[in-house]
């Protein structure tokens, strides 16, 4: 009997799958070295954005039960 695939917990903390199946994530680079970044850049880094389509298959493999 095959075991069920487990969810990678690190991926579950970083990605959210919407009801329509899109994957959302936080932009990288917004945690430190903030003084040298412009206000506009810091504002854009706060946004939660949709994952690029080329990465979707890899991320969905890490989240089988989502």
PDB file of N, CA and C in Angstrom:
ATOM      1  N   UNK A   1       0.842  -1.180   0.000  1.00  0.00           N
ATOM      2  CA  UNK A   1       0.000   0.000   0.000  1.00  0.00           C
ATOM      3  C   UNK A   1       0.891   1.248   0.000  1.00  0.00           C
ATOM      4  N   UNK A   2       0.643   2.159  -0.906  1.00  0.00           N
ATOM      5  CA  UNK A   2       1.468   3.364  -1.030  1.00  0.00           C
ATOM      6  C   UNK A   2       1.083   4.388   0.031  1.00  0.00           C
ATOM      7  N   UNK A   3       2.098   5.075   0.528  1.00  0.00           N
ATOM      8  CA  UNK A   3       1.845   6.135   1.487  1.00  0.00           C
ATOM      9  C   UNK A   3       1.394   7.394   0.751  1.00  0.00           C
ATOM     10  N   UNK A   4       0.615   8.213   1.441  1.00  0.00           N
ATOM     11  CA  UNK A   4       0.183   9.484   0.864  1.00  0.00           C
ATOM     12  C   UNK A   4       1.370  10.443   0.838  1.00  0.00           C
ATOM     13  N   UNK A   5       1.430  11.282  -0.167  1.00  0.00           N
ATOM     14  CA  UNK A   5       2.509  12.262  -0.272  1.00  0.00           C
ATOM     15  C   UNK A   5       2.366  13.303   0.833  1.00  0.00           C
ATOM     16  N   UNK A   6       3.497  13.657   1.449  1.00  0.00           N
ATOM     17  CA  UNK A   6       3.475  14.651   2.516  1.00  0.00           C
ATOM     18  C   UNK A   6       3.753  16.036   1.957  1.00  0.00           C
ATOM     19  N   UNK A   7       3.150  17.023   2.582  1.00  0.00           N
ATOM     20  CA  UNK A   7       3.380  18.415   2.224  1.00  0.00           C
ATOM     21  C   UNK A   7       4.719  18.865   2.793  1.00  0.00           C
ATOM     22  N   UNK A   8       5.523  19.564   1.987  1.00  0.00           N
ATOM     23  CA  UNK A   8       6.762  20.169   2.481  1.00  0.00           C
ATOM     24  C   UNK A   8       6.374  21.384   3.321  1.00  0.00           C
ATOM     25  N   UNK A   9       6.645  21.330   4.608  1.00  0.00           N
ATOM     26  CA  UNK A   9       6.180  22.378   5.520  1.00  0.00           C
ATOM     27  C   UNK A   9       6.824  23.735   5.219  1.00  0.00           C
ATOM     28  N   UNK A  10       8.071  23.742   4.753  1.00  0.00           N
ATOM     29  CA  UNK A  10       8.700  25.022   4.432  1.00  0.00           C
ATOM     30  C   UNK A  10       7.982  25.693   3.270  1.00  0.00           C
ATOM     31  N   UNK A  11       7.527  24.919   2.303  1.00  0.00           N
ATOM     32  CA  UNK A  11       6.804  25.482   1.164  1.00  0.00           C
ATOM     33  C   UNK A  11       5.412  25.953   1.589  1.00  0.00           C
ATOM     34  N   UNK A  12       4.779  25.226   2.497  1.00  0.00           N
ATOM     35  CA  UNK A  12       3.441  25.595   2.954  1.00  0.00           C
ATOM     36  C   UNK A  12       3.449  26.942   3.671  1.00  0.00           C
ATOM     37  N   UNK A  13       4.585  27.279   4.305  1.00  0.00           N
ATOM     38  CA  UNK A  13       4.685  28.559   5.003  1.00  0.00           C
ATOM     39  C   UNK A  13       4.899  29.719   4.034  1.00  0.00           C
ATOM     40  N   UNK A  14       5.425  29.432   2.846  1.00  0.00           N
ATOM     41  CA  UNK A  14       5.808  30.498   1.923  1.00  0.00           C
ATOM     42  C   UNK A  14       4.814  30.745   0.799  1.00  0.00           C
ATOM     43  N   UNK A  15       3.986  29.772   0.499  1.00  0.00           N
ATOM     44  CA  UNK A  15       3.064  29.894  -0.627  1.00  0.00           C
ATOM     45  C   UNK A  15       1.634  29.665  -0.178  1.00  0.00           C
ATOM     46  N   UNK A  16       0.696  30.343  -0.860  1.00  0.00           N
ATOM     47  CA  UNK A  16      -0.727  30.171  -0.573  1.00  0.00           C
ATOM     48  C   UNK A  16      -1.418  29.874  -1.893  1.00  0.00           C
ATOM     49  N   UNK A  17      -2.242  28.842  -1.911  1.00  0.00           N
ATOM     50  CA  UNK A  17      -2.991  28.506  -3.119  1.00  0.00           C
ATOM     51  C   UNK A  17      -4.399  29.069  -2.965  1.00  0.00           C
ATOM     52  N   UNK A  18      -4.830  29.858  -3.934  1.00  0.00           N
ATOM     53  CA  UNK A  18      -6.146  30.479  -3.882  1.00  0.00           C
ATOM     54  C   UNK A  18      -7.210  29.464  -4.274  1.00  0.00           C
ATOM     55  N   UNK A  19      -8.450  29.868  -4.136  1.00  0.00           N
ATOM     56  CA  UNK A  19      -9.558  28.996  -4.494  1.00  0.00           C
ATOM     57  C   UNK A  19      -9.575  28.645  -5.968  1.00  0.00           C
ATOM     58  N   UNK A  20      -9.076  29.548  -6.798  1.00  0.00           N
ATOM     59  CA  UNK A  20      -9.058  29.296  -8.243  1.00  0.00           C
ATOM     60  C   UNK A  20      -7.800  28.554  -8.689  1.00  0.00           C
ATOM     61  N   UNK A  21      -6.884  28.254  -7.732  1.00  0.00           N
ATOM     62  CA  UNK A  21      -5.705  27.468  -8.058  1.00  0.00           C
ATOM     63  C   UNK A  21      -4.439  28.270  -8.329  1.00  0.00           C
ATOM     64  N   UNK A  22      -4.520  29.588  -8.256  1.00  0.00           N
ATOM     65  CA  UNK A  22      -3.315  30.392  -8.437  1.00  0.00           C
ATOM     66  C   UNK A  22      -2.458  30.310  -7.183  1.00  0.00           C
ATOM     67  N   UNK A  23      -1.148  30.507  -7.324  1.00  0.00           N
ATOM     68  CA  UNK A  23      -0.231  30.446  -6.186  1.00  0.00           C
ATOM     69  C   UNK A  23       0.288  31.849  -5.906  1.00  0.00           C
ATOM     70  N   UNK A  24       0.173  32.269  -4.641  1.00  0.00           N
ATOM     71  CA  UNK A  24       0.625  33.592  -4.231  1.00  0.00           C
ATOM     72  C   UNK A  24       1.839  33.450  -3.328  1.00  0.00           C
ATOM     73  N   UNK A  25       2.715  34.465  -3.367  1.00  0.00           N
ATOM     74  CA  UNK A  25       3.900  34.467  -2.505  1.00  0.00           C
ATOM     75  C   UNK A  25       4.333  35.891  -2.224  1.00  0.00           C
ATOM     76  N   UNK A  26       5.145  36.044  -1.178  1.00  0.00           N
ATOM     77  CA  UNK A  26       5.706  37.339  -0.806  1.00  0.00           C
ATOM     78  C   UNK A  26       6.943  37.616  -1.655  1.00  0.00           C
ATOM     79  N   UNK A  27       7.145  38.855  -2.048  1.00  0.00           N
ATOM     80  CA  UNK A  27       8.333  39.220  -2.810  1.00  0.00           C
ATOM     81  C   UNK A  27       9.579  39.048  -1.950  1.00  0.00           C
ATOM     82  N   UNK A  28      10.693  38.676  -2.566  1.00  0.00           N
ATOM     83  CA  UNK A  28      11.941  38.507  -1.818  1.00  0.00           C
ATOM     84  C   UNK A  28      12.690  39.837  -1.728  1.00  0.00           C
ATOM     85  N   UNK A  29      13.541  39.958  -0.716  1.00  0.00           N
ATOM     86  CA  UNK A  29      14.397  41.135  -0.591  1.00  0.00           C
ATOM     87  C   UNK A  29      13.834  42.226   0.283  1.00  0.00           C
ATOM     88  N   UNK A  30      12.793  41.965   1.041  1.00  0.00           N
ATOM     89  CA  UNK A  30      12.196  43.011   1.852  1.00  0.00           C
ATOM     90  C   UNK A  30      12.424  42.863   3.341  1.00  0.00           C
ATOM     91  N   UNK A  31      13.442  42.128   3.753  1.00  0.00           N
ATOM     92  CA  UNK A  31      13.649  41.868   5.176  1.00  0.00           C
ATOM     93  C   UNK A  31      14.789  42.689   5.781  1.00  0.00           C
ATOM     94  N   UNK A  32      15.837  42.944   5.031  1.00  0.00           N
ATOM     95  CA  UNK A  32      16.958  43.695   5.598  1.00  0.00           C
ATOM     96  C   UNK A  32      17.603  44.545   4.510  1.00  0.00           C
ATOM     97  N   UNK A  33      18.571  45.373   4.906  1.00  0.00           N
ATOM     98  CA  UNK A  33      19.207  46.379   4.018  1.00  0.00           C
ATOM     99  C   UNK A  33      18.158  47.341   3.462  1.00  0.00           C
ATOM    100  N   UNK A  34      17.249  47.772   4.321  1.00  0.00           N
ATOM    101  CA  UNK A  34      16.129  48.584   3.854  1.00  0.00           C
ATOM    102  C   UNK A  34      16.505  50.055   3.674  1.00  0.00           C
ATOM    103  N   UNK A  35      17.589  50.515   4.299  1.00  0.00           N
ATOM    104  CA  UNK A  35      17.937  51.927   4.210  1.00  0.00           C
ATOM    105  C   UNK A  35      18.352  52.339   2.805  1.00  0.00           C
ATOM    106  N   UNK A  36      18.987  51.442   2.090  1.00  0.00           N
ATOM    107  CA  UNK A  36      19.460  51.801   0.746  1.00  0.00           C
ATOM    108  C   UNK A  36      18.391  51.658  -0.324  1.00  0.00           C
ATOM    109  N   UNK A  37      17.230  51.119   0.035  1.00  0.00           N
ATOM    110  CA  UNK A  37      16.159  50.920  -0.943  1.00  0.00           C
ATOM    111  C   UNK A  37      15.215  52.115  -0.923  1.00  0.00           C
ATOM    112  N   UNK A  38      14.710  52.467  -2.087  1.00  0.00           N
ATOM    113  CA  UNK A  38      13.818  53.613  -2.182  1.00  0.00           C
ATOM    114  C   UNK A  38      12.455  53.282  -1.564  1.00  0.00           C
ATOM    115  N   UNK A  39      11.688  54.331  -1.242  1.00  0.00           N
ATOM    116  CA  UNK A  39      10.367  54.123  -0.669  1.00  0.00           C
ATOM    117  C   UNK A  39       9.481  53.350  -1.631  1.00  0.00           C
ATOM    118  N   UNK A  40       9.585  53.675  -2.891  1.00  0.00           N
ATOM    119  CA  UNK A  40       8.776  52.988  -3.895  1.00  0.00           C
ATOM    120  C   UNK A  40       9.119  51.492  -3.952  1.00  0.00           C
ATOM    121  N   UNK A  41      10.404  51.197  -3.913  1.00  0.00           N
ATOM    122  CA  UNK A  41      10.845  49.789  -3.974  1.00  0.00           C
ATOM    123  C   UNK A  41      10.392  49.022  -2.736  1.00  0.00           C
ATOM    124  N   UNK A  42      10.491  49.651  -1.560  1.00  0.00           N
ATOM    125  CA  UNK A  42      10.050  48.994  -0.334  1.00  0.00           C
ATOM    126  C   UNK A  42       8.545  48.759  -0.353  1.00  0.00           C
ATOM    127  N   UNK A  43       7.813  49.704  -0.887  1.00  0.00           N
ATOM    128  CA  UNK A  43       6.357  49.561  -0.989  1.00  0.00           C
ATOM    129  C   UNK A  43       5.995  48.396  -1.911  1.00  0.00           C
ATOM    130  N   UNK A  44       6.722  48.272  -3.018  1.00  0.00           N
ATOM    131  CA  UNK A  44       6.457  47.185  -3.958  1.00  0.00           C
ATOM    132  C   UNK A  44       6.839  45.824  -3.376  1.00  0.00           C
ATOM    133  N   UNK A  45       7.856  45.800  -2.508  1.00  0.00           N
ATOM    134  CA  UNK A  45       8.280  44.539  -1.905  1.00  0.00           C
ATOM    135  C   UNK A  45       7.259  44.011  -0.895  1.00  0.00           C
ATOM    136  N   UNK A  46       6.394  44.876  -0.371  1.00  0.00           N
ATOM    137  CA  UNK A  46       5.377  44.444   0.582  1.00  0.00           C
ATOM    138  C   UNK A  46       4.267  43.639  -0.086  1.00  0.00           C
ATOM    139  N   UNK A  47       4.060  43.861  -1.357  1.00  0.00           N
ATOM    140  CA  UNK A  47       2.932  43.245  -2.059  1.00  0.00           C
ATOM    141  C   UNK A  47       3.063  41.730  -2.145  1.00  0.00           C
ATOM    142  N   UNK A  48       1.930  41.071  -2.062  1.00  0.00           N
ATOM    143  CA  UNK A  48       1.878  39.630  -2.305  1.00  0.00           C
ATOM    144  C   UNK A  48       1.520  39.466  -3.778  1.00  0.00           C
ATOM    145  N   UNK A  49       2.343  38.708  -4.491  1.00  0.00           N
ATOM    146  CA  UNK A  49       2.178  38.601  -5.941  1.00  0.00           C
ATOM    147  C   UNK A  49       1.940  37.151  -6.359  1.00  0.00           C
ATOM    148  N   UNK A  50       1.466  36.996  -7.582  1.00  0.00           N
ATOM    149  CA  UNK A  50       1.226  35.673  -8.134  1.00  0.00           C
ATOM    150  C   UNK A  50       2.543  35.055  -8.599  1.00  0.00           C
ATOM    151  N   UNK A  51       2.674  33.764  -8.402  1.00  0.00           N
ATOM    152  CA  UNK A  51       3.873  33.040  -8.807  1.00  0.00           C
ATOM    153  C   UNK A  51       3.966  32.987 -10.330  1.00  0.00           C
ATOM    154  N   UNK A  52       5.182  33.063 -10.853  1.00  0.00           N
ATOM    155  CA  UNK A  52       5.389  32.981 -12.298  1.00  0.00           C
ATOM    156  C   UNK A  52       4.959  31.603 -12.787  1.00  0.00           C
ATOM    157  N   UNK A  53       4.282  31.537 -13.945  1.00  0.00           N
ATOM    158  CA  UNK A  53       3.756  30.252 -14.437  1.00  0.00           C
ATOM    159  C   UNK A  53       4.813  29.158 -14.613  1.00  0.00           C
ATOM    160  N   UNK A  54       6.048  29.532 -14.891  1.00  0.00           N
ATOM    161  CA  UNK A  54       7.084  28.523 -15.087  1.00  0.00           C
ATOM    162  C   UNK A  54       7.457  27.808 -13.789  1.00  0.00           C
ATOM    163  N   UNK A  55       7.132  28.378 -12.630  1.00  0.00           N
ATOM    164  CA  UNK A  55       7.466  27.780 -11.329  1.00  0.00           C
ATOM    165  C   UNK A  55       6.298  27.018 -10.716  1.00  0.00           C
ATOM    166  N   UNK A  56       5.102  27.141 -11.305  1.00  0.00           N
ATOM    167  CA  UNK A  56       3.903  26.565 -10.694  1.00  0.00           C
ATOM    168  C   UNK A  56       3.997  25.063 -10.501  1.00  0.00           C
ATOM    169  N   UNK A  57       4.469  24.348 -11.507  1.00  0.00           N
ATOM    170  CA  UNK A  57       4.509  22.890 -11.424  1.00  0.00           C
ATOM    171  C   UNK A  57       5.414  22.424 -10.283  1.00  0.00           C
ATOM    172  N   UNK A  58       6.554  23.090 -10.110  1.00  0.00           N
ATOM    173  CA  UNK A  58       7.499  22.720  -9.057  1.00  0.00           C
ATOM    174  C   UNK A  58       6.907  22.968  -7.675  1.00  0.00           C
ATOM    175  N   UNK A  59       6.222  24.091  -7.505  1.00  0.00           N
ATOM    176  CA  UNK A  59       5.656  24.417  -6.201  1.00  0.00           C
ATOM    177  C   UNK A  59       4.470  23.509  -5.892  1.00  0.00           C
ATOM    178  N   UNK A  60       3.655  23.209  -6.873  1.00  0.00           N
ATOM    179  CA  UNK A  60       2.516  22.321  -6.636  1.00  0.00           C
ATOM    180  C   UNK A  60       2.969  20.918  -6.258  1.00  0.00           C
ATOM    181  N   UNK A  61       4.149  20.504  -6.717  1.00  0.00           N
ATOM    182  CA  UNK A  61       4.688  19.201  -6.332  1.00  0.00           C
ATOM    183  C   UNK A  61       5.061  19.187  -4.850  1.00  0.00           C
ATOM    184  N   UNK A  62       5.438  20.346  -4.300  1.00  0.00           N
ATOM    185  CA  UNK A  62       5.787  20.440  -2.890  1.00  0.00           C
ATOM    186  C   UNK A  62       4.549  20.504  -2.000  1.00  0.00           C
ATOM    187  N   UNK A  63       3.405  20.858  -2.601  1.00  0.00           N
ATOM    188  CA  UNK A  63       2.154  21.019  -1.850  1.00  0.00           C
ATOM    189  C   UNK A  63       1.086  20.066  -2.397  1.00  0.00           C
ATOM    190  N   UNK A  64       1.253  18.758  -2.227  1.00  0.00           N
ATOM    191  CA  UNK A  64       0.326  17.811  -2.862  1.00  0.00           C
ATOM    192  C   UNK A  64      -1.067  17.819  -2.269  1.00  0.00           C
ATOM    193  N   UNK A  65      -1.212  18.155  -0.997  1.00  0.00           N
ATOM    194  CA  UNK A  65      -2.510  18.055  -0.334  1.00  0.00           C
ATOM    195  C   UNK A  65      -3.211  19.391  -0.190  1.00  0.00           C
ATOM    196  N   UNK A  66      -2.795  20.366  -0.918  1.00  0.00           N
ATOM    197  CA  UNK A  66      -3.394  21.705  -0.797  1.00  0.00           C
ATOM    198  C   UNK A  66      -4.488  21.892  -1.813  1.00  0.00           C
TER     199      UNK A  66
END
